[in-house]
Amino acid sequence: MKVLANIFVFVFCLFGFTQNNQLFEEGNALYNQEKYSEAIEKYKAILNSGEHSADLYFNLGNAHYRLNNIAPSIYNYEKALQLAPHDEDIKNNLSFAQNMTIDAISDVPKVGFSRIFNNVVNMASRDSWAIIAIVGVVLFVLLFLLYHFSYSTSRKRFAFVTSILSLLIGCMALALAFQKEQLQKKDNPAIVFVQESRVMTDPNKSSEEVFRLHEGTKVQVLESYNDWKKIQISDNSSGWISAQDIKLLNIF
């Protein structure tokens, strides 16, 4: 029975993949015919089935961009970039879409050690740093054994020095892996999806307005309270916005 169940699951997944591939091709054909709204429906049907890919979000972003749907185009390009962070086509199209936004928010640049440290942390993913840490520790053990069992003075010296270096690299990589994980946990971006949204000092409509944001602007969600989200923009200004006015990027 277990074998039959596994076969059924495999056939079901294969059927779903084939169906989604057909929908994707149909969506692309509609896009090439400039039927962007119909193409969007095809792409959304694939998303509703639970399949996610950079190409799917990229094409969805392109279709929304053609219809001048600012927030959905930016949102889908950002989703595509999450799945393919080094894709230049996605980055370029995202820049074009961001040029349509109203809000001109200046980034607060990181300087000094903070900038250097963040650049080092972001050189690799959490898993990559973890793998480097494991390799460093394994090398340390092997080199330490070589040091312990070697009779040659020069070989013992070489094994000792390189084992210490391997251990230091492993420890540094482990620390960077933890730091990368912390940064990922804090990274909770969202896109403003309404034409204009009021950002308040407190999570209620009667509080004082701090500033206003417009569709397509990217924000960082810091915390939640009832139907409100505390957000921060790239110039470090913060406030509370209605949860209905934004759409989180980290939810698939």
Protein backbone atom coordinates (compact mmCIF):
# COMPACT_ATOMS: atom_id res chain seq x y z
CA MET A 1 0.00 0.00 0.00
CA LYS A 2 2.87 2.37 0.82
CA VAL A 3 4.43 1.76 -2.60
CA LEU A 4 1.10 2.44 -4.31
CA ALA A 5 0.69 5.64 -2.30
CA ASN A 6 4.17 6.81 -3.33
CA ILE A 7 3.41 6.04 -6.97
CA PHE A 8 0.17 8.00 -6.72
CA VAL A 9 1.97 10.99 -5.21
CA PHE A 10 4.63 10.85 -7.94
CA VAL A 11 2.02 10.71 -10.72
CA PHE A 12 0.06 13.54 -9.08
CA CYS A 13 3.17 15.74 -8.82
CA LEU A 14 4.16 14.94 -12.41
CA PHE A 15 0.66 15.85 -13.59
CA GLY A 16 0.80 19.10 -11.62
CA PHE A 17 4.21 19.98 -13.08
CA THR A 18 2.99 19.30 -16.62
CA GLN A 19 -0.15 21.37 -16.07
CA ASN A 20 1.81 24.28 -14.59
CA ASN A 21 4.32 24.16 -17.43
CA GLN A 22 1.43 24.39 -19.89
CA LEU A 23 -0.05 27.34 -17.98
CA PHE A 24 3.36 29.06 -18.01
CA GLU A 25 3.67 28.64 -21.79
CA GLU A 26 0.11 29.90 -22.28
CA GLY A 27 0.88 32.90 -20.08
CA ASN A 28 4.01 33.67 -22.11
CA ALA A 29 2.05 33.41 -25.35
CA LEU A 30 -0.58 35.83 -24.04
CA TYR A 31 2.17 38.20 -22.89
CA ASN A 32 3.74 38.17 -26.37
CA GLN A 33 0.28 39.01 -27.76
CA GLU A 34 0.17 42.00 -25.35
CA LYS A 35 -2.73 40.42 -23.46
CA TYR A 36 -1.12 41.21 -20.14
CA SER A 37 -4.16 40.83 -17.90
CA GLU A 38 -4.88 37.36 -19.28
CA ALA A 39 -1.20 36.42 -18.88
CA ILE A 40 -1.33 37.52 -15.23
CA GLU A 41 -4.26 35.18 -14.59
CA LYS A 42 -2.30 32.24 -16.03
CA TYR A 43 0.73 33.04 -13.88
CA LYS A 44 -1.43 33.46 -10.78
CA ALA A 45 -2.99 30.05 -11.39
CA ILE A 46 0.49 28.54 -11.14
CA LEU A 47 1.17 30.39 -7.88
CA ASN A 48 -2.15 29.19 -6.49
CA SER A 49 -1.01 25.61 -7.10
CA GLY A 50 1.92 26.18 -4.76
CA GLU A 51 4.71 26.46 -7.33
CA HIS A 52 7.15 29.35 -7.03
CA SER A 53 10.08 30.25 -9.24
CA ALA A 54 12.16 33.29 -10.15
CA ASP A 55 11.05 33.05 -13.81
CA LEU A 56 7.39 32.96 -12.80
CA TYR A 57 7.64 36.03 -10.56
CA PHE A 58 9.80 37.81 -13.15
CA ASN A 59 7.23 37.31 -15.92
CA LEU A 60 4.43 38.30 -13.55
CA GLY A 61 6.33 41.48 -12.70
CA ASN A 62 6.83 42.20 -16.42
CA ALA A 63 3.10 41.83 -17.14
CA HIS A 64 2.18 44.18 -14.27
CA TYR A 65 4.83 46.65 -15.40
CA ARG A 66 3.29 46.74 -18.88
CA LEU A 67 -0.05 47.63 -17.26
CA ASN A 68 1.60 50.34 -15.11
CA ASN A 69 0.67 48.46 -11.94
CA ILE A 70 3.46 49.92 -9.84
CA ALA A 71 3.13 48.01 -6.56
CA PRO A 72 2.47 44.53 -8.07
CA SER A 73 5.34 44.89 -10.55
CA ILE A 74 7.83 45.88 -7.82
CA TYR A 75 6.47 43.21 -5.48
CA ASN A 76 6.93 40.43 -8.03
CA TYR A 77 10.38 41.60 -9.10
CA GLU A 78 11.39 41.61 -5.44
CA LYS A 79 10.03 38.07 -5.05
CA ALA A 80 11.98 36.98 -8.12
CA LEU A 81 15.12 38.58 -6.69
CA GLN A 82 14.69 36.64 -3.45
CA LEU A 83 14.85 33.39 -5.45
CA ALA A 84 17.59 34.56 -7.84
CA PRO A 85 19.53 37.29 -6.00
CA HIS A 86 22.28 37.62 -8.65
CA ASP A 87 20.07 37.86 -11.74
CA GLU A 88 20.93 41.11 -13.55
CA ASP A 89 17.74 41.14 -15.67
CA ILE A 90 15.60 41.11 -12.53
CA LYS A 91 17.69 43.87 -10.95
CA ASN A 92 17.41 46.04 -14.06
CA ASN A 93 13.66 45.63 -14.42
CA LEU A 94 13.19 46.27 -10.71
CA SER A 95 15.08 49.56 -11.12
CA PHE A 96 12.79 50.56 -14.00
CA ALA A 97 9.71 49.79 -11.91
CA GLN A 98 11.06 51.68 -8.90
CA ASN A 99 11.46 54.76 -11.10
CA MET A 100 7.67 54.91 -11.33
CA THR A 101 7.24 55.38 -7.57
CA ILE A 102 6.45 58.77 -6.09
CA ASP A 103 8.41 58.56 -2.84
CA ALA A 104 12.03 59.69 -3.17
CA ILE A 105 13.67 58.33 -0.02
CA SER A 106 17.39 58.71 0.50
CA ASP A 107 19.31 55.75 1.89
CA VAL A 108 21.34 56.31 5.03
CA PRO A 109 24.74 54.86 4.10
CA LYS A 110 26.62 52.67 6.55
CA VAL A 111 30.12 53.92 7.24
CA GLY A 112 33.30 52.66 8.87
CA PHE A 113 33.50 49.25 10.49
CA SER A 114 29.73 48.67 10.28
CA ARG A 115 29.81 48.92 6.48
CA ILE A 116 32.86 46.67 6.16
CA PHE A 117 31.41 44.07 8.53
CA ASN A 118 28.06 43.98 6.73
CA ASN A 119 29.80 43.62 3.39
CA VAL A 120 31.77 40.64 4.71
CA VAL A 121 28.64 39.01 6.21
CA ASN A 122 26.74 39.42 2.94
CA MET A 123 29.50 37.85 0.86
CA ALA A 124 27.92 34.43 1.43
CA SER A 125 24.71 32.85 2.64
CA ARG A 126 24.20 31.46 6.13
CA ASP A 127 24.58 27.90 4.86
CA SER A 128 27.76 28.76 2.96
CA TRP A 129 29.34 30.27 6.08
CA ALA A 130 28.29 27.17 8.04
CA ILE A 131 29.93 24.89 5.46
CA ILE A 132 33.15 26.95 5.64
CA ALA A 133 33.05 26.64 9.43
CA ILE A 134 32.69 22.85 9.24
CA VAL A 135 35.52 22.57 6.69
CA GLY A 136 37.71 24.75 8.93
CA VAL A 137 37.10 22.54 11.97
CA VAL A 138 37.68 19.32 10.00
CA LEU A 139 40.96 20.69 8.65
CA PHE A 140 41.96 21.70 12.16
CA VAL A 141 41.42 18.14 13.42
CA LEU A 142 43.32 16.56 10.52
CA LEU A 143 46.22 19.00 10.77
CA PHE A 144 46.37 18.61 14.54
CA LEU A 145 46.62 14.83 14.10
CA LEU A 146 49.36 15.39 11.54
CA TYR A 147 51.18 17.61 14.04
CA HIS A 148 50.78 15.03 16.81
CA PHE A 149 52.06 12.06 14.79
CA SER A 150 54.77 13.82 12.75
CA TYR A 151 58.44 13.36 13.62
CA SER A 152 59.81 16.04 11.31
CA THR A 153 60.23 19.43 13.02
CA SER A 154 59.39 21.39 9.88
CA ARG A 155 56.26 19.29 9.25
CA LYS A 156 55.14 19.70 12.86
CA ARG A 157 55.63 23.46 12.62
CA PHE A 158 53.67 23.63 9.35
CA ALA A 159 50.83 21.46 10.74
CA PHE A 160 50.64 23.50 13.94
CA VAL A 161 50.46 26.89 12.19
CA THR A 162 47.95 25.78 9.54
CA SER A 163 45.78 23.99 12.11
CA ILE A 164 45.52 27.18 14.17
CA LEU A 165 44.66 29.16 11.04
CA SER A 166 42.01 26.58 10.10
CA LEU A 167 40.50 26.80 13.57
CA LEU A 168 40.41 30.61 13.43
CA ILE A 169 38.78 30.53 9.98
CA GLY A 170 36.23 27.99 11.22
CA CYS A 171 35.38 30.10 14.28
CA MET A 172 35.09 33.29 12.21
CA ALA A 173 32.88 31.56 9.64
CA LEU A 174 30.66 30.23 12.42
CA ALA A 175 30.29 33.73 13.89
CA LEU A 176 29.46 35.11 10.43
CA ALA A 177 26.87 32.34 9.94
CA PHE A 178 25.13 33.33 13.18
CA GLN A 179 25.30 37.01 12.21
CA LYS A 180 23.84 36.26 8.78
CA GLU A 181 20.99 34.34 10.41
CA GLN A 182 20.26 37.28 12.71
CA LEU A 183 20.19 39.66 9.75
CA GLN A 184 17.82 37.36 7.89
CA LYS A 185 15.49 37.19 10.89
CA LYS A 186 15.41 40.98 11.10
CA ASP A 187 14.87 41.33 7.36
CA ASN A 188 11.09 41.53 6.95
CA PRO A 189 10.43 43.67 3.87
CA ALA A 190 7.06 44.69 2.49
CA ILE A 191 5.67 46.77 -0.37
CA VAL A 192 3.05 49.50 0.00
CA PHE A 193 0.04 48.39 -2.06
CA VAL A 194 -2.31 51.36 -1.76
CA GLN A 195 -2.12 54.62 -3.68
CA GLU A 196 -1.39 56.57 -0.50
CA SER A 197 -0.97 55.48 3.10
CA ARG A 198 -0.67 57.53 6.28
CA VAL A 199 2.09 56.54 8.68
CA MET A 200 1.21 57.35 12.29
CA THR A 201 3.17 57.85 15.51
CA ASP A 202 1.10 55.15 17.29
CA PRO A 203 -0.95 52.13 16.13
CA ASN A 204 -4.30 53.96 15.97
CA LYS A 205 -6.01 56.29 13.52
CA SER A 206 -6.34 59.14 16.01
CA SER A 207 -2.58 59.49 16.56
CA GLU A 208 -0.41 62.06 14.84
CA GLU A 209 0.60 61.53 11.23
CA VAL A 210 4.36 61.23 10.72
CA PHE A 211 4.55 61.04 6.94
CA ARG A 212 2.81 59.46 3.96
CA LEU A 213 3.91 56.68 1.66
CA HIS A 214 2.73 55.78 -1.82
CA GLU A 215 2.34 52.57 -3.77
CA GLY A 216 5.47 50.63 -4.61
CA THR A 217 7.58 51.92 -1.73
CA LYS A 218 9.59 49.25 0.05
CA VAL A 219 9.55 49.22 3.86
CA GLN A 220 10.94 47.07 6.66
CA VAL A 221 8.39 45.70 9.14
CA LEU A 222 9.74 45.95 12.69
CA GLU A 223 6.80 44.74 14.77
CA SER A 224 3.06 44.12 14.71
CA TYR A 225 0.16 45.23 16.91
CA ASN A 226 -3.41 44.20 16.08
CA ASP A 227 -4.08 45.49 12.54
CA TRP A 228 -1.01 47.72 12.50
CA LYS A 229 2.63 47.26 11.48
CA LYS A 230 5.53 49.35 12.71
CA ILE A 231 7.67 50.06 9.67
CA GLN A 232 10.95 51.73 8.85
CA ILE A 233 12.04 53.19 5.53
CA SER A 234 15.55 53.49 4.11
CA ASP A 235 16.22 56.91 5.66
CA ASN A 236 15.53 55.33 9.10
CA SER A 237 12.20 57.15 9.56
CA SER A 238 9.64 54.91 11.24
CA GLY A 239 5.99 54.81 12.25
CA TRP A 240 2.85 52.69 12.26
CA ILE A 241 0.96 51.77 9.11
CA SER A 242 -2.25 49.84 8.56
CA ALA A 243 -1.44 46.18 7.90
CA GLN A 244 -3.91 46.22 5.02
CA ASP A 245 -1.84 48.85 3.20
CA ILE A 246 1.26 46.68 2.75
CA LYS A 247 2.10 43.21 1.46
CA LEU A 248 4.90 41.19 3.03
CA LEU A 249 7.61 39.82 0.74
CA ASN A 250 8.82 36.91 2.88
CA ILE A 251 5.52 35.02 2.64
CA PHE A 252 5.35 32.44 -0.20
